[in-house]
């Protein structure tokens, strides 16, 4: 199956799992790991995918979406962020809480997708190791007790 077909299937899956309305997919750009790291982290980091508002979804050339459900789940995770932005999910939260809640929801839906393949779930707290610079040092107890709304 071509990447474009997977994008269509995964946006539909993300919408169903997250309770979002059916939505056409964003642009998805496949770029080198180093370029994605520079865009997202300002240097070297282990990022495999990112959603950048106004620009779309980016995934690295290292992902093998066709044969690998784990790699597909990375794309699904980023498509969840696209749906969140488009639908204003957590828009009324502070910027830092919005980031955390959106990450936790995206990981929860990614985990649900992976469980359908009998695969281990992602580490939902891993993303909190990297946060926007403005959020570093800010503490929010809500992260530990996050429940989807």
C-alpha atoms as a PDB file:
ATOM      1  CA  UNK A   1       0.000   0.000   0.000  1.00  0.00           C
ATOM      2  CA  UNK A   2       1.333   3.454  -0.884  1.00  0.00           C
ATOM      3  CA  UNK A   3       2.091   6.012   1.829  1.00  0.00           C
ATOM      4  CA  UNK A   4      -0.840   8.188   0.727  1.00  0.00           C
ATOM      5  CA  UNK A   5      -3.238   5.280   1.257  1.00  0.00           C
ATOM      6  CA  UNK A   6      -1.830   4.684   4.749  1.00  0.00           C
ATOM      7  CA  UNK A   7      -2.261   8.371   5.549  1.00  0.00           C
ATOM      8  CA  UNK A   8      -5.940   8.143   4.571  1.00  0.00           C
ATOM      9  CA  UNK A   9      -6.498   5.023   6.669  1.00  0.00           C
ATOM     10  CA  UNK A  10      -4.606   6.378   9.667  1.00  0.00           C
ATOM     11  CA  UNK A  11      -6.382   9.753   9.734  1.00  0.00           C
ATOM     12  CA  UNK A  12      -9.699   7.882   9.710  1.00  0.00           C
ATOM     13  CA  UNK A  13      -8.476   5.578  12.500  1.00  0.00           C
ATOM     14  CA  UNK A  14      -7.218   8.493  14.585  1.00  0.00           C
ATOM     15  CA  UNK A  15     -10.543  10.290  14.139  1.00  0.00           C
ATOM     16  CA  UNK A  16     -12.540   7.263  15.271  1.00  0.00           C
ATOM     17  CA  UNK A  17     -10.267   6.472  18.233  1.00  0.00           C
ATOM     18  CA  UNK A  18     -10.214  10.097  19.400  1.00  0.00           C
ATOM     19  CA  UNK A  19     -13.842  10.963  18.739  1.00  0.00           C
ATOM     20  CA  UNK A  20     -12.985  13.519  16.053  1.00  0.00           C
ATOM     21  CA  UNK A  21     -15.120  14.224  12.988  1.00  0.00           C
ATOM     22  CA  UNK A  22     -13.986  12.729   9.665  1.00  0.00           C
ATOM     23  CA  UNK A  23     -11.304  15.029   8.285  1.00  0.00           C
ATOM     24  CA  UNK A  24      -9.208  15.161   5.125  1.00  0.00           C
ATOM     25  CA  UNK A  25      -5.555  14.463   5.930  1.00  0.00           C
ATOM     26  CA  UNK A  26      -2.882  17.147   6.160  1.00  0.00           C
ATOM     27  CA  UNK A  27       0.175  17.233   3.959  1.00  0.00           C
ATOM     28  CA  UNK A  28       2.741  14.663   5.085  1.00  0.00           C
ATOM     29  CA  UNK A  29       6.372  15.287   4.201  1.00  0.00           C
ATOM     30  CA  UNK A  30       9.065  12.624   4.480  1.00  0.00           C
ATOM     31  CA  UNK A  31      12.431  14.184   5.390  1.00  0.00           C
ATOM     32  CA  UNK A  32      15.836  13.129   6.695  1.00  0.00           C
ATOM     33  CA  UNK A  33      16.241  12.550  10.419  1.00  0.00           C
ATOM     34  CA  UNK A  34      18.821  15.337  10.754  1.00  0.00           C
ATOM     35  CA  UNK A  35      16.516  17.861   9.100  1.00  0.00           C
ATOM     36  CA  UNK A  36      13.559  16.915  11.305  1.00  0.00           C
ATOM     37  CA  UNK A  37      15.734  17.063  14.424  1.00  0.00           C
ATOM     38  CA  UNK A  38      16.943  20.528  13.471  1.00  0.00           C
ATOM     39  CA  UNK A  39      13.369  21.758  12.887  1.00  0.00           C
ATOM     40  CA  UNK A  40      11.896  20.314  16.054  1.00  0.00           C
ATOM     41  CA  UNK A  41      14.736  20.229  18.563  1.00  0.00           C
ATOM     42  CA  UNK A  42      17.167  22.801  17.202  1.00  0.00           C
ATOM     43  CA  UNK A  43      19.804  20.065  16.996  1.00  0.00           C
ATOM     44  CA  UNK A  44      20.229  16.323  17.301  1.00  0.00           C
ATOM     45  CA  UNK A  45      17.383  14.405  18.946  1.00  0.00           C
ATOM     46  CA  UNK A  46      15.535  11.119  18.439  1.00  0.00           C
ATOM     47  CA  UNK A  47      12.337  12.611  16.970  1.00  0.00           C
ATOM     48  CA  UNK A  48      10.716  10.442  14.284  1.00  0.00           C
ATOM     49  CA  UNK A  49       7.713  12.594  13.477  1.00  0.00           C
ATOM     50  CA  UNK A  50       6.196  15.991  14.149  1.00  0.00           C
ATOM     51  CA  UNK A  51       3.111  18.016  13.417  1.00  0.00           C
ATOM     52  CA  UNK A  52       3.888  21.676  12.800  1.00  0.00           C
ATOM     53  CA  UNK A  53       0.790  23.902  12.599  1.00  0.00           C
ATOM     54  CA  UNK A  54       0.493  25.557   9.219  1.00  0.00           C
ATOM     55  CA  UNK A  55       3.095  23.214   7.711  1.00  0.00           C
ATOM     56  CA  UNK A  56       1.650  19.726   8.194  1.00  0.00           C
ATOM     57  CA  UNK A  57       3.069  16.435   9.395  1.00  0.00           C
ATOM     58  CA  UNK A  58       6.697  15.450   8.975  1.00  0.00           C
ATOM     59  CA  UNK A  59       8.095  11.941   9.336  1.00  0.00           C
ATOM     60  CA  UNK A  60      11.642  10.716   8.880  1.00  0.00           C
ATOM     61  CA  UNK A  61      12.866   8.636   5.985  1.00  0.00           C
ATOM     62  CA  UNK A  62      13.791   6.003   8.595  1.00  0.00           C
ATOM     63  CA  UNK A  63      10.145   5.059   9.189  1.00  0.00           C
ATOM     64  CA  UNK A  64       8.873   2.039   7.273  1.00  0.00           C
ATOM     65  CA  UNK A  65       5.149   2.701   7.330  1.00  0.00           C
ATOM     66  CA  UNK A  66       4.129  -0.113   4.962  1.00  0.00           C
ATOM     67  CA  UNK A  67       5.475  -3.156   6.792  1.00  0.00           C
ATOM     68  CA  UNK A  68       5.799  -1.910  10.380  1.00  0.00           C
ATOM     69  CA  UNK A  69       2.830  -1.151  12.670  1.00  0.00           C
ATOM     70  CA  UNK A  70       5.189   0.525  15.183  1.00  0.00           C
ATOM     71  CA  UNK A  71       6.332   2.962  12.508  1.00  0.00           C
ATOM     72  CA  UNK A  72       2.731   3.491  11.348  1.00  0.00           C
ATOM     73  CA  UNK A  73       1.827   4.325  14.935  1.00  0.00           C
ATOM     74  CA  UNK A  74       4.289   7.238  14.845  1.00  0.00           C
ATOM     75  CA  UNK A  75       2.435   8.656  11.852  1.00  0.00           C
ATOM     76  CA  UNK A  76      -0.903   8.056  13.588  1.00  0.00           C
ATOM     77  CA  UNK A  77       0.415   9.928  16.659  1.00  0.00           C
ATOM     78  CA  UNK A  78       1.264  12.968  14.526  1.00  0.00           C
ATOM     79  CA  UNK A  79      -2.086  12.807  12.750  1.00  0.00           C
ATOM     80  CA  UNK A  80      -3.751  12.956  16.170  1.00  0.00           C
ATOM     81  CA  UNK A  81      -1.912  16.238  16.789  1.00  0.00           C
ATOM     82  CA  UNK A  82      -3.252  17.536  13.477  1.00  0.00           C
ATOM     83  CA  UNK A  83      -6.803  16.601  14.525  1.00  0.00           C
ATOM     84  CA  UNK A  84      -6.312  18.192  17.944  1.00  0.00           C
ATOM     85  CA  UNK A  85      -5.174  21.472  16.399  1.00  0.00           C
ATOM     86  CA  UNK A  86      -7.888  21.503  13.759  1.00  0.00           C
ATOM     87  CA  UNK A  87     -10.609  20.832  16.343  1.00  0.00           C
ATOM     88  CA  UNK A  88      -9.260  23.058  19.119  1.00  0.00           C
ATOM     89  CA  UNK A  89      -8.836  20.196  21.583  1.00  0.00           C
ATOM     90  CA  UNK A  90      -7.483  21.607  24.874  1.00  0.00           C
ATOM     91  CA  UNK A  91      -7.409  25.099  23.337  1.00  0.00           C
ATOM     92  CA  UNK A  92      -8.591  26.668  26.600  1.00  0.00           C
ATOM     93  CA  UNK A  93      -5.688  25.245  28.615  1.00  0.00           C
ATOM     94  CA  UNK A  94      -2.444  27.085  29.255  1.00  0.00           C
ATOM     95  CA  UNK A  95       0.120  26.523  26.509  1.00  0.00           C
ATOM     96  CA  UNK A  96       2.114  24.103  28.662  1.00  0.00           C
ATOM     97  CA  UNK A  97      -0.899  22.100  29.799  1.00  0.00           C
ATOM     98  CA  UNK A  98      -2.224  22.057  26.223  1.00  0.00           C
ATOM     99  CA  UNK A  99       1.113  20.577  25.084  1.00  0.00           C
ATOM    100  CA  UNK A 100       1.043  17.938  27.831  1.00  0.00           C
ATOM    101  CA  UNK A 101      -2.595  16.963  27.381  1.00  0.00           C
ATOM    102  CA  UNK A 102      -2.235  16.718  23.617  1.00  0.00           C
ATOM    103  CA  UNK A 103       0.870  14.542  23.948  1.00  0.00           C
ATOM    104  CA  UNK A 104      -0.779  12.264  26.461  1.00  0.00           C
ATOM    105  CA  UNK A 105      -3.880  11.869  24.308  1.00  0.00           C
ATOM    106  CA  UNK A 106      -1.782  11.174  21.198  1.00  0.00           C
ATOM    107  CA  UNK A 107       0.180   8.505  23.077  1.00  0.00           C
ATOM    108  CA  UNK A 108      -3.028   6.987  24.440  1.00  0.00           C
ATOM    109  CA  UNK A 109      -4.473   6.661  20.930  1.00  0.00           C
ATOM    110  CA  UNK A 110      -1.144   5.380  19.613  1.00  0.00           C
ATOM    111  CA  UNK A 111      -1.177   2.743  22.351  1.00  0.00           C
ATOM    112  CA  UNK A 112      -4.722   1.741  21.436  1.00  0.00           C
ATOM    113  CA  UNK A 113      -3.649   1.358  17.808  1.00  0.00           C
ATOM    114  CA  UNK A 114      -0.601  -0.724  18.754  1.00  0.00           C
ATOM    115  CA  UNK A 115      -2.648  -2.978  21.018  1.00  0.00           C
ATOM    116  CA  UNK A 116      -4.653  -4.078  17.963  1.00  0.00           C
ATOM    117  CA  UNK A 117      -1.443  -5.645  16.667  1.00  0.00           C
ATOM    118  CA  UNK A 118      -0.582  -7.232  20.014  1.00  0.00           C
ATOM    119  CA  UNK A 119       2.378  -4.905  20.356  1.00  0.00           C
ATOM    120  CA  UNK A 120       3.745  -3.293  23.487  1.00  0.00           C
ATOM    121  CA  UNK A 121       2.492   0.163  24.216  1.00  0.00           C
ATOM    122  CA  UNK A 122       4.479   3.358  23.994  1.00  0.00           C
ATOM    123  CA  UNK A 123       5.897   5.135  27.018  1.00  0.00           C
ATOM    124  CA  UNK A 124       3.462   8.004  27.453  1.00  0.00           C
ATOM    125  CA  UNK A 125       5.773   9.940  29.742  1.00  0.00           C
ATOM    126  CA  UNK A 126       8.668   9.847  27.257  1.00  0.00           C
ATOM    127  CA  UNK A 127       7.440  12.940  25.447  1.00  0.00           C
ATOM    128  CA  UNK A 128       7.439  14.917  28.651  1.00  0.00           C
ATOM    129  CA  UNK A 129      11.238  14.607  28.683  1.00  0.00           C
ATOM    130  CA  UNK A 130      11.156  17.165  25.864  1.00  0.00           C
ATOM    131  CA  UNK A 131       8.936  20.163  26.314  1.00  0.00           C
ATOM    132  CA  UNK A 132       8.750  23.628  24.894  1.00  0.00           C
ATOM    133  CA  UNK A 133      11.426  25.725  26.593  1.00  0.00           C
ATOM    134  CA  UNK A 134       8.786  27.923  28.226  1.00  0.00           C
ATOM    135  CA  UNK A 135       7.345  24.866  29.998  1.00  0.00           C
ATOM    136  CA  UNK A 136      10.544  23.517  31.518  1.00  0.00           C
ATOM    137  CA  UNK A 137      10.366  23.619  35.278  1.00  0.00           C
ATOM    138  CA  UNK A 138       6.617  24.214  35.305  1.00  0.00           C
ATOM    139  CA  UNK A 139       4.818  21.589  37.333  1.00  0.00           C
ATOM    140  CA  UNK A 140       1.307  20.441  36.672  1.00  0.00           C
ATOM    141  CA  UNK A 141      -0.138  17.690  38.822  1.00  0.00           C
ATOM    142  CA  UNK A 142      -2.834  17.161  36.196  1.00  0.00           C
ATOM    143  CA  UNK A 143      -0.375  15.314  34.000  1.00  0.00           C
ATOM    144  CA  UNK A 144      -0.212  12.392  36.404  1.00  0.00           C
ATOM    145  CA  UNK A 145      -3.996  12.059  36.557  1.00  0.00           C
ATOM    146  CA  UNK A 146      -4.821  12.845  32.936  1.00  0.00           C
ATOM    147  CA  UNK A 147      -8.160  11.567  31.736  1.00  0.00           C
ATOM    148  CA  UNK A 148      -9.482  12.331  28.263  1.00  0.00           C
ATOM    149  CA  UNK A 149     -12.378  14.783  28.216  1.00  0.00           C
END
